[in-house]
Each structure stands twice: as structure tokens, then as C-alpha cells.
């Protein structure tokens, strides 16, 4: 009986601690509203949050029609600080089309702020807006821009390592037809100072997002250029079909973690008994796209031109134009 009472007290204490932590987070988020950043940008609203912290919209007090995004990362013991890494890669890639500009960065006692371009909706939002999938034409046009972005990143020795629809956003205003890539918190350089490719090592945990990451990531192996492209291939299938076979798994009923369950099903659908099912209803060029990325070796330099030609061939075969104003979300 005393053990049961002790357990109840322990659960109550844990619940109280969770509630206090949530209240502290809520207070921190609210106190950011109306705050000034660098005596120039006034924070207006919170846009969302991620593993790093929160994102806010702020306006330039010199020109209130100009908005920026403000990322806020709270410092906590034992937590890797990602905004410093992200700022470094954004500055390194600032000459690349489709990379948001950094306007300000500061590291304070309890948190770090990164002010950058405010962009439009991400591809996950747009896919939902379009009824849960994109037509093949829209998927190809987006895919071409995504390949170009990854080729530019890789040419600067940068691996993104978290390629997913949420990390590709359309621009606003004059850049509304430009696809941007964001969130470099997991990015690394894939060559050592001596110019040699990083060796393949074992990672401590999965890097990336289970739905889109490669089996190499599930197997805790070091990632390379091929893995960014494998994620892109999965995304294109996701756009066209509306879902991937390893979504919505009841992994707890399977007695597995989410990572383990997705790895198991993904293995079956990419190279196992159900490989043909994943490729079913895809045009042969899209199947070739997927198979090419899956067959790349760790240190291979991908043929980005080949991948562009595959998508371009789909466009030519169907006599589709590259007119960005005809993308799915413009026709709803």
C-alpha cells in the first residue's frame, strides 16, 4: 500500500514539475512579444517552435512593412546549441540562391537570437492546402529546384542532414517563386581540412527525421551527399502519392520505437519484398530517380545533372511548361 502511495506522490511531483516547466516556457514566449531586438526589430507574434526553441515575426521599426523572422534558442545544460551552427552555414552560403539572409545574431546569457529573412509557406503546408498531394508536374518543378539547392550546398562541402518538406519554403514578394532551404541546425561539412572525405563512422543516434531519412541514418551510419538525395527521392514520392508506406505506424503495438518500426518497414519497401509496391504507379523516370539515389555509395559524387534530366524528361514527355504560376496552389 505504501509503495502505491509513494508512486502516486512521485507521479504528482513529476506532473507538477512538467506544469511548472510549461508555465516557464509560456512566460518566456510571452515576454518576447513587443520586445525590441537590436533597437531595430519589434517582435509581433510567435510563428511556431522547434527542437531549438521558438520562431517569431518581427517588424523593422524604420519600415514597418518589412518583416523578419527571429529565432530564439534557450540555453540549457547539456543541450547542443544549434543556432550558432545555423548562422555559420547561412553566412557561408549567403551567395547561393534560395538561402535566407542573416540580418543579426547575438548570444546572451540565457538565450541566443538569430534574425533572418521571413519566408512564405513551407512545402508541407502547401501540400496540405492542395488536398494532400501535388500533381506530377508540380512535384517535378519543385524537385528541380530542390536538386539545384542541394547541388549548391554540396559544392560548398555542406551536408544538410534533415531534408524534409518543412525545411523548403517559398519566398515572398519578388521571390515568391523561389524555393528556399532552411534549418541548418544539423548541417555538417563532409570533408576534413586535408580535403579528404569524412570517414564512415557510427553515430550515437539517428540524425534527421525518421519519415524521410535514409536507411543509413536508421542504421546510425555517418551520412553523405547520397543521403540528402535519398531523402529528396522519398519526398517526391510523398508529394506524388500523398503518403509513404511507413507513415502512421502503430509502433508501440509492434513493441518497437518509432525509429525501429520505420526502419523495418522502410527496408521492406525500398529493397525487400515490397519494393515493387513502393514503385507502383510511379513513372519510370521517378523509379530511376529513386533507384539511382539508393545505389550511390558513401563517398560517391552524385550526378545532379542526371537527376535533373530525369525530371526534365517527364516535363518534356508531357509537354509541360516550367511556368511557376501554374503550380497547384495557384490554381485553387
C-alpha atoms as a PDB file:
ATOM      1  CA  UNK A   1       0.000   0.000   0.000  1.00  0.00           C
ATOM      2  CA  UNK A   2       2.810   2.396   0.942  1.00  0.00           C
ATOM      3  CA  UNK A   3       4.552   1.611  -2.365  1.00  0.00           C
ATOM      4  CA  UNK A   4       1.401   2.562  -4.292  1.00  0.00           C
ATOM      5  CA  UNK A   5       1.081   5.820  -2.328  1.00  0.00           C
ATOM      6  CA  UNK A   6       4.751   6.613  -2.976  1.00  0.00           C
ATOM      7  CA  UNK A   7       4.217   6.021  -6.703  1.00  0.00           C
ATOM      8  CA  UNK A   8       1.231   8.370  -6.725  1.00  0.00           C
ATOM      9  CA  UNK A   9       3.239  11.068  -4.927  1.00  0.00           C
ATOM     10  CA  UNK A  10       6.117  10.616  -7.377  1.00  0.00           C
ATOM     11  CA  UNK A  11       3.750  10.927 -10.360  1.00  0.00           C
ATOM     12  CA  UNK A  12       2.175  14.052  -8.845  1.00  0.00           C
ATOM     13  CA  UNK A  13       5.617  15.619  -8.351  1.00  0.00           C
ATOM     14  CA  UNK A  14       6.586  14.825 -11.952  1.00  0.00           C
ATOM     15  CA  UNK A  15       3.320  16.334 -13.195  1.00  0.00           C
ATOM     16  CA  UNK A  16       3.888  19.487 -11.129  1.00  0.00           C
ATOM     17  CA  UNK A  17       7.430  19.817 -12.499  1.00  0.00           C
ATOM     18  CA  UNK A  18       6.137  19.426 -16.071  1.00  0.00           C
ATOM     19  CA  UNK A  19       3.446  22.052 -15.470  1.00  0.00           C
ATOM     20  CA  UNK A  20       5.996  24.461 -13.958  1.00  0.00           C
ATOM     21  CA  UNK A  21       8.314  23.929 -16.937  1.00  0.00           C
ATOM     22  CA  UNK A  22       5.439  24.581 -19.373  1.00  0.00           C
ATOM     23  CA  UNK A  23       4.456  27.737 -17.458  1.00  0.00           C
ATOM     24  CA  UNK A  24       8.057  28.989 -17.565  1.00  0.00           C
ATOM     25  CA  UNK A  25       8.214  28.346 -21.317  1.00  0.00           C
ATOM     26  CA  UNK A  26       4.892  30.141 -21.827  1.00  0.00           C
ATOM     27  CA  UNK A  27       6.105  33.125 -19.780  1.00  0.00           C
ATOM     28  CA  UNK A  28       9.356  33.264 -21.766  1.00  0.00           C
ATOM     29  CA  UNK A  29       7.418  33.156 -25.039  1.00  0.00           C
ATOM     30  CA  UNK A  30       5.031  35.897 -23.926  1.00  0.00           C
ATOM     31  CA  UNK A  31       7.803  38.144 -22.598  1.00  0.00           C
ATOM     32  CA  UNK A  32       9.352  38.126 -26.064  1.00  0.00           C
ATOM     33  CA  UNK A  33       6.250  39.756 -27.539  1.00  0.00           C
ATOM     34  CA  UNK A  34       6.686  43.513 -28.106  1.00  0.00           C
ATOM     35  CA  UNK A  35      10.396  43.181 -27.248  1.00  0.00           C
ATOM     36  CA  UNK A  36      12.936  45.042 -29.342  1.00  0.00           C
ATOM     37  CA  UNK A  37      15.836  43.248 -30.981  1.00  0.00           C
ATOM     38  CA  UNK A  38      18.972  45.325 -31.550  1.00  0.00           C
ATOM     39  CA  UNK A  39      16.857  48.515 -31.215  1.00  0.00           C
ATOM     40  CA  UNK A  40      15.560  47.841 -34.711  1.00  0.00           C
ATOM     41  CA  UNK A  41      13.040  44.987 -34.868  1.00  0.00           C
ATOM     42  CA  UNK A  42       9.884  44.788 -32.751  1.00  0.00           C
ATOM     43  CA  UNK A  43       8.617  41.264 -32.133  1.00  0.00           C
ATOM     44  CA  UNK A  44       4.944  40.997 -33.096  1.00  0.00           C
ATOM     45  CA  UNK A  45       3.901  37.350 -32.831  1.00  0.00           C
ATOM     46  CA  UNK A  46       5.133  33.822 -32.306  1.00  0.00           C
ATOM     47  CA  UNK A  47       5.052  31.791 -35.505  1.00  0.00           C
ATOM     48  CA  UNK A  48       5.957  28.388 -34.132  1.00  0.00           C
ATOM     49  CA  UNK A  49       8.527  26.320 -32.318  1.00  0.00           C
ATOM     50  CA  UNK A  50      11.007  23.536 -32.946  1.00  0.00           C
ATOM     51  CA  UNK A  51      13.596  21.468 -31.107  1.00  0.00           C
ATOM     52  CA  UNK A  52      15.887  24.522 -30.961  1.00  0.00           C
ATOM     53  CA  UNK A  53      13.321  26.971 -29.491  1.00  0.00           C
ATOM     54  CA  UNK A  54      10.790  29.436 -30.910  1.00  0.00           C
ATOM     55  CA  UNK A  55      10.348  31.492 -34.085  1.00  0.00           C
ATOM     56  CA  UNK A  56       8.791  34.961 -34.054  1.00  0.00           C
ATOM     57  CA  UNK A  57       7.768  37.527 -36.640  1.00  0.00           C
ATOM     58  CA  UNK A  58       9.211  40.982 -36.099  1.00  0.00           C
ATOM     59  CA  UNK A  59       8.884  44.252 -38.000  1.00  0.00           C
ATOM     60  CA  UNK A  60      11.554  46.804 -38.811  1.00  0.00           C
ATOM     61  CA  UNK A  61      10.637  49.997 -36.913  1.00  0.00           C
ATOM     62  CA  UNK A  62      12.229  52.032 -39.714  1.00  0.00           C
ATOM     63  CA  UNK A  63       9.902  50.417 -42.253  1.00  0.00           C
ATOM     64  CA  UNK A  64       7.001  48.544 -40.699  1.00  0.00           C
ATOM     65  CA  UNK A  65       6.099  46.829 -43.961  1.00  0.00           C
ATOM     66  CA  UNK A  66       9.377  44.891 -43.710  1.00  0.00           C
ATOM     67  CA  UNK A  67       9.091  41.739 -41.588  1.00  0.00           C
ATOM     68  CA  UNK A  68      11.818  39.340 -40.482  1.00  0.00           C
ATOM     69  CA  UNK A  69      11.942  36.003 -38.687  1.00  0.00           C
ATOM     70  CA  UNK A  70      13.562  35.873 -35.244  1.00  0.00           C
ATOM     71  CA  UNK A  71      14.753  32.510 -33.959  1.00  0.00           C
ATOM     72  CA  UNK A  72      15.225  32.251 -30.199  1.00  0.00           C
ATOM     73  CA  UNK A  73      17.187  29.389 -28.668  1.00  0.00           C
ATOM     74  CA  UNK A  74      17.181  28.995 -24.884  1.00  0.00           C
ATOM     75  CA  UNK A  75      20.435  27.819 -23.320  1.00  0.00           C
ATOM     76  CA  UNK A  76      20.020  24.695 -21.211  1.00  0.00           C
ATOM     77  CA  UNK A  77      22.579  22.405 -19.651  1.00  0.00           C
ATOM     78  CA  UNK A  78      23.633  19.506 -21.863  1.00  0.00           C
ATOM     79  CA  UNK A  79      21.694  20.751 -24.892  1.00  0.00           C
ATOM     80  CA  UNK A  80      23.590  21.325 -28.113  1.00  0.00           C
ATOM     81  CA  UNK A  81      23.297  24.893 -29.349  1.00  0.00           C
ATOM     82  CA  UNK A  82      22.260  24.809 -32.994  1.00  0.00           C
ATOM     83  CA  UNK A  83      21.709  28.491 -33.870  1.00  0.00           C
ATOM     84  CA  UNK A  84      25.435  29.191 -33.862  1.00  0.00           C
ATOM     85  CA  UNK A  85      25.939  26.373 -36.363  1.00  0.00           C
ATOM     86  CA  UNK A  86      23.000  27.538 -38.464  1.00  0.00           C
ATOM     87  CA  UNK A  87      24.288  31.118 -38.555  1.00  0.00           C
ATOM     88  CA  UNK A  88      27.685  29.878 -39.695  1.00  0.00           C
ATOM     89  CA  UNK A  89      26.267  27.904 -42.611  1.00  0.00           C
ATOM     90  CA  UNK A  90      23.859  30.663 -43.654  1.00  0.00           C
ATOM     91  CA  UNK A  91      26.761  33.119 -43.847  1.00  0.00           C
ATOM     92  CA  UNK A  92      28.928  30.612 -45.704  1.00  0.00           C
ATOM     93  CA  UNK A  93      26.134  30.018 -48.239  1.00  0.00           C
ATOM     94  CA  UNK A  94      24.901  33.629 -48.463  1.00  0.00           C
ATOM     95  CA  UNK A  95      25.776  33.939 -52.173  1.00  0.00           C
ATOM     96  CA  UNK A  96      23.656  30.876 -53.039  1.00  0.00           C
ATOM     97  CA  UNK A  97      20.154  31.398 -54.466  1.00  0.00           C
ATOM     98  CA  UNK A  98      17.480  30.104 -52.110  1.00  0.00           C
ATOM     99  CA  UNK A  99      19.388  30.722 -48.867  1.00  0.00           C
ATOM    100  CA  UNK A 100      17.752  33.204 -46.431  1.00  0.00           C
ATOM    101  CA  UNK A 101      19.873  36.206 -45.464  1.00  0.00           C
ATOM    102  CA  UNK A 102      21.113  36.718 -41.898  1.00  0.00           C
ATOM    103  CA  UNK A 103      20.392  40.222 -40.541  1.00  0.00           C
ATOM    104  CA  UNK A 104      21.575  39.932 -36.934  1.00  0.00           C
ATOM    105  CA  UNK A 105      22.902  37.413 -34.424  1.00  0.00           C
ATOM    106  CA  UNK A 106      23.591  37.730 -30.712  1.00  0.00           C
ATOM    107  CA  UNK A 107      24.349  35.348 -27.870  1.00  0.00           C
ATOM    108  CA  UNK A 108      23.092  36.477 -24.453  1.00  0.00           C
ATOM    109  CA  UNK A 109      23.331  34.854 -21.013  1.00  0.00           C
ATOM    110  CA  UNK A 110      20.204  32.720 -21.257  1.00  0.00           C
ATOM    111  CA  UNK A 111      19.365  32.617 -24.954  1.00  0.00           C
ATOM    112  CA  UNK A 112      20.599  33.232 -28.496  1.00  0.00           C
ATOM    113  CA  UNK A 113      18.789  35.229 -31.197  1.00  0.00           C
ATOM    114  CA  UNK A 114      19.105  34.889 -34.963  1.00  0.00           C
ATOM    115  CA  UNK A 115      17.327  37.422 -37.206  1.00  0.00           C
ATOM    116  CA  UNK A 116      16.845  36.295 -40.800  1.00  0.00           C
ATOM    117  CA  UNK A 117      14.598  36.697 -43.844  1.00  0.00           C
ATOM    118  CA  UNK A 118      10.932  35.943 -43.256  1.00  0.00           C
ATOM    119  CA  UNK A 119       9.768  33.485 -45.898  1.00  0.00           C
ATOM    120  CA  UNK A 120       6.450  32.150 -47.144  1.00  0.00           C
ATOM    121  CA  UNK A 121       4.746  28.780 -46.530  1.00  0.00           C
ATOM    122  CA  UNK A 122       6.703  25.536 -46.450  1.00  0.00           C
ATOM    123  CA  UNK A 123       6.018  22.646 -48.834  1.00  0.00           C
ATOM    124  CA  UNK A 124       4.261  20.592 -46.156  1.00  0.00           C
ATOM    125  CA  UNK A 125       1.764  23.411 -45.629  1.00  0.00           C
ATOM    126  CA  UNK A 126       1.280  23.852 -49.375  1.00  0.00           C
ATOM    127  CA  UNK A 127       0.771  20.117 -49.890  1.00  0.00           C
ATOM    128  CA  UNK A 128      -1.979  20.134 -47.245  1.00  0.00           C
ATOM    129  CA  UNK A 129      -3.510  23.234 -48.843  1.00  0.00           C
ATOM    130  CA  UNK A 130      -3.592  21.397 -52.180  1.00  0.00           C
ATOM    131  CA  UNK A 131      -5.574  18.452 -50.837  1.00  0.00           C
ATOM    132  CA  UNK A 132      -2.742  16.303 -49.510  1.00  0.00           C
ATOM    133  CA  UNK A 133      -0.693  15.787 -52.660  1.00  0.00           C
ATOM    134  CA  UNK A 134       0.857  17.552 -55.642  1.00  0.00           C
ATOM    135  CA  UNK A 135       0.331  16.739 -59.290  1.00  0.00           C
ATOM    136  CA  UNK A 136       3.330  15.218 -61.075  1.00  0.00           C
ATOM    137  CA  UNK A 137       4.107  18.500 -62.854  1.00  0.00           C
ATOM    138  CA  UNK A 138       4.308  20.482 -59.602  1.00  0.00           C
ATOM    139  CA  UNK A 139       6.405  17.728 -57.984  1.00  0.00           C
ATOM    140  CA  UNK A 140       8.864  17.825 -60.906  1.00  0.00           C
ATOM    141  CA  UNK A 141       9.236  21.620 -60.888  1.00  0.00           C
ATOM    142  CA  UNK A 142       9.787  21.646 -57.126  1.00  0.00           C
ATOM    143  CA  UNK A 143      12.137  18.673 -57.420  1.00  0.00           C
ATOM    144  CA  UNK A 144      14.290  20.504 -59.958  1.00  0.00           C
ATOM    145  CA  UNK A 145      14.698  23.477 -57.614  1.00  0.00           C
ATOM    146  CA  UNK A 146      15.453  21.152 -54.705  1.00  0.00           C
ATOM    147  CA  UNK A 147      18.191  19.373 -56.674  1.00  0.00           C
ATOM    148  CA  UNK A 148      19.749  22.729 -57.577  1.00  0.00           C
ATOM    149  CA  UNK A 149      19.711  23.784 -53.903  1.00  0.00           C
ATOM    150  CA  UNK A 150      21.354  20.544 -52.774  1.00  0.00           C
ATOM    151  CA  UNK A 151      23.962  20.700 -55.528  1.00  0.00           C
ATOM    152  CA  UNK A 152      24.848  24.244 -54.379  1.00  0.00           C
ATOM    153  CA  UNK A 153      25.078  23.152 -50.733  1.00  0.00           C
ATOM    154  CA  UNK A 154      27.198  20.127 -51.568  1.00  0.00           C
ATOM    155  CA  UNK A 155      29.500  22.213 -53.773  1.00  0.00           C
ATOM    156  CA  UNK A 156      30.245  24.227 -50.614  1.00  0.00           C
ATOM    157  CA  UNK A 157      31.035  20.946 -48.777  1.00  0.00           C
ATOM    158  CA  UNK A 158      27.827  21.247 -46.735  1.00  0.00           C
ATOM    159  CA  UNK A 159      25.528  18.338 -45.852  1.00  0.00           C
ATOM    160  CA  UNK A 160      22.072  19.352 -44.656  1.00  0.00           C
ATOM    161  CA  UNK A 161      21.108  16.027 -42.990  1.00  0.00           C
ATOM    162  CA  UNK A 162      17.463  16.938 -42.366  1.00  0.00           C
ATOM    163  CA  UNK A 163      15.872  17.155 -45.799  1.00  0.00           C
ATOM    164  CA  UNK A 164      12.077  17.280 -45.427  1.00  0.00           C
ATOM    165  CA  UNK A 165       9.165  19.317 -46.887  1.00  0.00           C
ATOM    166  CA  UNK A 166       9.025  21.508 -43.769  1.00  0.00           C
ATOM    167  CA  UNK A 167      12.550  22.758 -44.498  1.00  0.00           C
ATOM    168  CA  UNK A 168      11.743  24.034 -48.002  1.00  0.00           C
ATOM    169  CA  UNK A 169       9.838  27.334 -48.100  1.00  0.00           C
ATOM    170  CA  UNK A 170       8.655  29.552 -50.907  1.00  0.00           C
ATOM    171  CA  UNK A 171       9.821  33.159 -50.882  1.00  0.00           C
ATOM    172  CA  UNK A 172       7.565  36.203 -50.610  1.00  0.00           C
ATOM    173  CA  UNK A 173       7.004  39.185 -52.894  1.00  0.00           C
ATOM    174  CA  UNK A 174       9.535  39.268 -55.723  1.00  0.00           C
ATOM    175  CA  UNK A 175      10.940  35.897 -54.632  1.00  0.00           C
ATOM    176  CA  UNK A 176       7.570  34.129 -54.291  1.00  0.00           C
ATOM    177  CA  UNK A 177       8.561  31.624 -56.997  1.00  0.00           C
ATOM    178  CA  UNK A 178      11.972  30.880 -55.477  1.00  0.00           C
ATOM    179  CA  UNK A 179      12.285  27.808 -53.282  1.00  0.00           C
ATOM    180  CA  UNK A 180      14.385  28.346 -50.142  1.00  0.00           C
ATOM    181  CA  UNK A 181      16.071  25.753 -47.957  1.00  0.00           C
ATOM    182  CA  UNK A 182      16.256  26.411 -44.208  1.00  0.00           C
ATOM    183  CA  UNK A 183      17.229  24.905 -40.846  1.00  0.00           C
ATOM    184  CA  UNK A 184      20.934  24.134 -40.867  1.00  0.00           C
ATOM    185  CA  UNK A 185      20.999  23.077 -37.212  1.00  0.00           C
ATOM    186  CA  UNK A 186      22.111  19.536 -38.144  1.00  0.00           C
ATOM    187  CA  UNK A 187      24.371  20.510 -41.053  1.00  0.00           C
ATOM    188  CA  UNK A 188      27.999  19.396 -41.173  1.00  0.00           C
ATOM    189  CA  UNK A 189      30.983  19.699 -43.511  1.00  0.00           C
ATOM    190  CA  UNK A 190      31.617  16.390 -45.285  1.00  0.00           C
ATOM    191  CA  UNK A 191      35.321  16.903 -45.983  1.00  0.00           C
ATOM    192  CA  UNK A 192      38.170  17.179 -43.493  1.00  0.00           C
ATOM    193  CA  UNK A 193      40.649  20.110 -43.567  1.00  0.00           C
ATOM    194  CA  UNK A 194      43.039  17.986 -45.659  1.00  0.00           C
ATOM    195  CA  UNK A 195      40.368  17.668 -48.371  1.00  0.00           C
ATOM    196  CA  UNK A 196      39.620  14.006 -47.775  1.00  0.00           C
ATOM    197  CA  UNK A 197      36.030  12.812 -47.384  1.00  0.00           C
ATOM    198  CA  UNK A 198      34.906  12.209 -43.813  1.00  0.00           C
ATOM    199  CA  UNK A 199      35.279   8.501 -42.965  1.00  0.00           C
ATOM    200  CA  UNK A 200      32.156   6.449 -42.346  1.00  0.00           C
ATOM    201  CA  UNK A 201      31.625   6.120 -38.612  1.00  0.00           C
ATOM    202  CA  UNK A 202      28.873   5.055 -36.252  1.00  0.00           C
ATOM    203  CA  UNK A 203      26.610   7.810 -34.925  1.00  0.00           C
ATOM    204  CA  UNK A 204      25.251   7.763 -31.376  1.00  0.00           C
ATOM    205  CA  UNK A 205      21.671   8.194 -32.570  1.00  0.00           C
ATOM    206  CA  UNK A 206      19.549   8.750 -35.661  1.00  0.00           C
ATOM    207  CA  UNK A 207      20.271  12.044 -37.416  1.00  0.00           C
ATOM    208  CA  UNK A 208      17.343  13.583 -39.305  1.00  0.00           C
ATOM    209  CA  UNK A 209      13.604  12.919 -39.490  1.00  0.00           C
ATOM    210  CA  UNK A 210      12.535   9.231 -39.476  1.00  0.00           C
ATOM    211  CA  UNK A 211       9.934   9.645 -42.231  1.00  0.00           C
ATOM    212  CA  UNK A 212      12.419  10.982 -44.797  1.00  0.00           C
ATOM    213  CA  UNK A 213      15.884   9.888 -43.667  1.00  0.00           C
ATOM    214  CA  UNK A 214      17.822   7.125 -45.420  1.00  0.00           C
ATOM    215  CA  UNK A 215      18.312   3.637 -44.047  1.00  0.00           C
ATOM    216  CA  UNK A 216      21.913   4.655 -43.428  1.00  0.00           C
ATOM    217  CA  UNK A 217      20.613   7.169 -40.884  1.00  0.00           C
ATOM    218  CA  UNK A 218      18.413   4.492 -39.274  1.00  0.00           C
ATOM    219  CA  UNK A 219      21.480   2.245 -39.068  1.00  0.00           C
ATOM    220  CA  UNK A 220      23.347   5.066 -37.245  1.00  0.00           C
ATOM    221  CA  UNK A 221      25.939   5.432 -40.021  1.00  0.00           C
ATOM    222  CA  UNK A 222      27.648   8.685 -40.983  1.00  0.00           C
ATOM    223  CA  UNK A 223      25.692  10.489 -43.680  1.00  0.00           C
ATOM    224  CA  UNK A 224      26.995  11.784 -47.000  1.00  0.00           C
ATOM    225  CA  UNK A 225      25.690  13.535 -50.110  1.00  0.00           C
ATOM    226  CA  UNK A 226      23.735  10.452 -51.166  1.00  0.00           C
ATOM    227  CA  UNK A 227      21.606  10.627 -48.027  1.00  0.00           C
ATOM    228  CA  UNK A 228      20.362  14.170 -48.726  1.00  0.00           C
ATOM    229  CA  UNK A 229      19.328  12.913 -52.183  1.00  0.00           C
ATOM    230  CA  UNK A 230      17.660   9.739 -50.888  1.00  0.00           C
ATOM    231  CA  UNK A 231      15.549  11.970 -48.636  1.00  0.00           C
ATOM    232  CA  UNK A 232      14.675  14.069 -51.688  1.00  0.00           C
ATOM    233  CA  UNK A 233      13.566  10.943 -53.581  1.00  0.00           C
ATOM    234  CA  UNK A 234      11.274   9.965 -50.688  1.00  0.00           C
ATOM    235  CA  UNK A 235       9.856  13.493 -50.616  1.00  0.00           C
ATOM    236  CA  UNK A 236       8.980  13.391 -54.328  1.00  0.00           C
ATOM    237  CA  UNK A 237       7.160  10.074 -53.851  1.00  0.00           C
ATOM    238  CA  UNK A 238       5.390  11.594 -50.841  1.00  0.00           C
ATOM    239  CA  UNK A 239       4.316  14.581 -52.945  1.00  0.00           C
ATOM    240  CA  UNK A 240       3.001  12.412 -55.784  1.00  0.00           C
ATOM    241  CA  UNK A 241       1.298   9.649 -53.776  1.00  0.00           C
ATOM    242  CA  UNK A 242       0.301  11.773 -50.808  1.00  0.00           C
ATOM    243  CA  UNK A 243       1.877   9.427 -48.269  1.00  0.00           C
ATOM    244  CA  UNK A 244       4.723   6.989 -47.634  1.00  0.00           C
ATOM    245  CA  UNK A 245       4.150   3.365 -46.533  1.00  0.00           C
ATOM    246  CA  UNK A 246       6.000   3.893 -43.253  1.00  0.00           C
ATOM    247  CA  UNK A 247       3.740   6.732 -42.083  1.00  0.00           C
ATOM    248  CA  UNK A 248       1.294   6.292 -39.219  1.00  0.00           C
ATOM    249  CA  UNK A 249       2.795   3.058 -37.883  1.00  0.00           C
ATOM    250  CA  UNK A 250       1.414   1.748 -34.581  1.00  0.00           C
ATOM    251  CA  UNK A 251       4.947   1.207 -33.404  1.00  0.00           C
ATOM    252  CA  UNK A 252       4.051   0.799 -29.726  1.00  0.00           C
ATOM    253  CA  UNK A 253       1.773  -2.107 -30.622  1.00  0.00           C
ATOM    254  CA  UNK A 254       4.689  -3.520 -32.614  1.00  0.00           C
ATOM    255  CA  UNK A 255       6.808  -3.339 -29.458  1.00  0.00           C
ATOM    256  CA  UNK A 256       9.281  -1.032 -31.195  1.00  0.00           C
ATOM    257  CA  UNK A 257      10.454   2.562 -31.066  1.00  0.00           C
ATOM    258  CA  UNK A 258       9.337   4.847 -33.910  1.00  0.00           C
ATOM    259  CA  UNK A 259      12.840   4.731 -35.404  1.00  0.00           C
ATOM    260  CA  UNK A 260      12.964   0.912 -35.293  1.00  0.00           C
ATOM    261  CA  UNK A 261       9.475   0.496 -36.748  1.00  0.00           C
ATOM    262  CA  UNK A 262      10.109   2.924 -39.620  1.00  0.00           C
ATOM    263  CA  UNK A 263      13.470   1.282 -40.348  1.00  0.00           C
ATOM    264  CA  UNK A 264      11.860  -2.141 -40.515  1.00  0.00           C
ATOM    265  CA  UNK A 265       9.069  -1.096 -42.883  1.00  0.00           C
ATOM    266  CA  UNK A 266      11.324   1.181 -44.950  1.00  0.00           C
ATOM    267  CA  UNK A 267      13.783  -1.679 -45.521  1.00  0.00           C
ATOM    268  CA  UNK A 268      10.961  -3.878 -46.792  1.00  0.00           C
ATOM    269  CA  UNK A 269       9.645  -1.224 -49.190  1.00  0.00           C
ATOM    270  CA  UNK A 270      12.958   0.020 -50.559  1.00  0.00           C
ATOM    271  CA  UNK A 271      14.858  -3.218 -51.105  1.00  0.00           C
ATOM    272  CA  UNK A 272      12.752  -6.031 -49.660  1.00  0.00           C
ATOM    273  CA  UNK A 273       9.647  -7.966 -50.664  1.00  0.00           C
ATOM    274  CA  UNK A 274       7.503  -4.844 -51.040  1.00  0.00           C
ATOM    275  CA  UNK A 275       9.971  -2.838 -53.154  1.00  0.00           C
ATOM    276  CA  UNK A 276       7.710  -3.121 -56.208  1.00  0.00           C
ATOM    277  CA  UNK A 277       4.768  -1.744 -54.216  1.00  0.00           C
ATOM    278  CA  UNK A 278       6.625   1.495 -53.381  1.00  0.00           C
ATOM    279  CA  UNK A 279       7.420   1.940 -57.074  1.00  0.00           C
ATOM    280  CA  UNK A 280       3.903   1.061 -58.253  1.00  0.00           C
ATOM    281  CA  UNK A 281       2.131   3.853 -60.178  1.00  0.00           C
ATOM    282  CA  UNK A 282       5.358   5.875 -60.457  1.00  0.00           C
ATOM    283  CA  UNK A 283       6.569   6.783 -63.948  1.00  0.00           C
ATOM    284  CA  UNK A 284       9.782   5.018 -64.981  1.00  0.00           C
ATOM    285  CA  UNK A 285      11.823   8.225 -64.627  1.00  0.00           C
ATOM    286  CA  UNK A 286      10.773   8.584 -60.986  1.00  0.00           C
ATOM    287  CA  UNK A 287      11.641   4.933 -60.329  1.00  0.00           C
ATOM    288  CA  UNK A 288      15.069   5.549 -61.889  1.00  0.00           C
ATOM    289  CA  UNK A 289      15.453   8.639 -59.686  1.00  0.00           C
ATOM    290  CA  UNK A 290      14.806   6.605 -56.531  1.00  0.00           C
ATOM    291  CA  UNK A 291      16.990   3.669 -57.577  1.00  0.00           C
ATOM    292  CA  UNK A 292      19.881   5.939 -58.583  1.00  0.00           C
ATOM    293  CA  UNK A 293      19.976   7.582 -55.154  1.00  0.00           C
ATOM    294  CA  UNK A 294      19.667   4.254 -53.316  1.00  0.00           C
ATOM    295  CA  UNK A 295      22.588   2.789 -55.285  1.00  0.00           C
ATOM    296  CA  UNK A 296      25.017   5.626 -54.543  1.00  0.00           C
ATOM    297  CA  UNK A 297      27.967   4.664 -52.359  1.00  0.00           C
ATOM    298  CA  UNK A 298      29.091   6.630 -49.314  1.00  0.00           C
ATOM    299  CA  UNK A 299      31.801   8.733 -50.972  1.00  0.00           C
ATOM    300  CA  UNK A 300      30.264   8.950 -54.458  1.00  0.00           C
ATOM    301  CA  UNK A 301      29.861  12.359 -56.058  1.00  0.00           C
ATOM    302  CA  UNK A 302      26.224  12.354 -57.231  1.00  0.00           C
ATOM    303  CA  UNK A 303      25.360  13.168 -60.836  1.00  0.00           C
ATOM    304  CA  UNK A 304      22.920  16.005 -60.145  1.00  0.00           C
ATOM    305  CA  UNK A 305      22.580  16.636 -63.877  1.00  0.00           C
ATOM    306  CA  UNK A 306      21.300  13.087 -64.367  1.00  0.00           C
ATOM    307  CA  UNK A 307      18.606  13.630 -61.733  1.00  0.00           C
ATOM    308  CA  UNK A 308      17.608  16.944 -63.347  1.00  0.00           C
ATOM    309  CA  UNK A 309      17.409  15.240 -66.748  1.00  0.00           C
ATOM    310  CA  UNK A 310      15.084  12.559 -65.366  1.00  0.00           C
ATOM    311  CA  UNK A 311      12.627  15.173 -64.105  1.00  0.00           C
ATOM    312  CA  UNK A 312      13.096  17.269 -67.247  1.00  0.00           C
ATOM    313  CA  UNK A 313      12.261  14.210 -69.349  1.00  0.00           C
ATOM    314  CA  UNK A 314       8.934  13.880 -67.522  1.00  0.00           C
ATOM    315  CA  UNK A 315       8.214  17.535 -68.300  1.00  0.00           C
ATOM    316  CA  UNK A 316       9.111  17.145 -71.995  1.00  0.00           C
ATOM    317  CA  UNK A 317       7.202  13.884 -72.434  1.00  0.00           C
ATOM    318  CA  UNK A 318       4.039  15.543 -71.152  1.00  0.00           C
ATOM    319  CA  UNK A 319       4.762  18.857 -72.937  1.00  0.00           C
ATOM    320  CA  UNK A 320       4.507  20.747 -69.662  1.00  0.00           C
ATOM    321  CA  UNK A 321       5.845  24.275 -69.280  1.00  0.00           C
ATOM    322  CA  UNK A 322       8.011  25.423 -66.392  1.00  0.00           C
ATOM    323  CA  UNK A 323       5.614  28.289 -65.604  1.00  0.00           C
ATOM    324  CA  UNK A 324       5.753  28.671 -61.799  1.00  0.00           C
ATOM    325  CA  UNK A 325       2.412  30.488 -61.770  1.00  0.00           C
ATOM    326  CA  UNK A 326       0.747  27.225 -62.799  1.00  0.00           C
ATOM    327  CA  UNK A 327       1.806  25.321 -59.680  1.00  0.00           C
ATOM    328  CA  UNK A 328      -1.002  23.577 -57.824  1.00  0.00           C
ATOM    329  CA  UNK A 329      -1.540  26.194 -55.102  1.00  0.00           C
ATOM    330  CA  UNK A 330      -2.075  28.937 -57.689  1.00  0.00           C
ATOM    331  CA  UNK A 331      -4.993  27.029 -59.199  1.00  0.00           C
ATOM    332  CA  UNK A 332      -7.207  26.504 -56.159  1.00  0.00           C
END
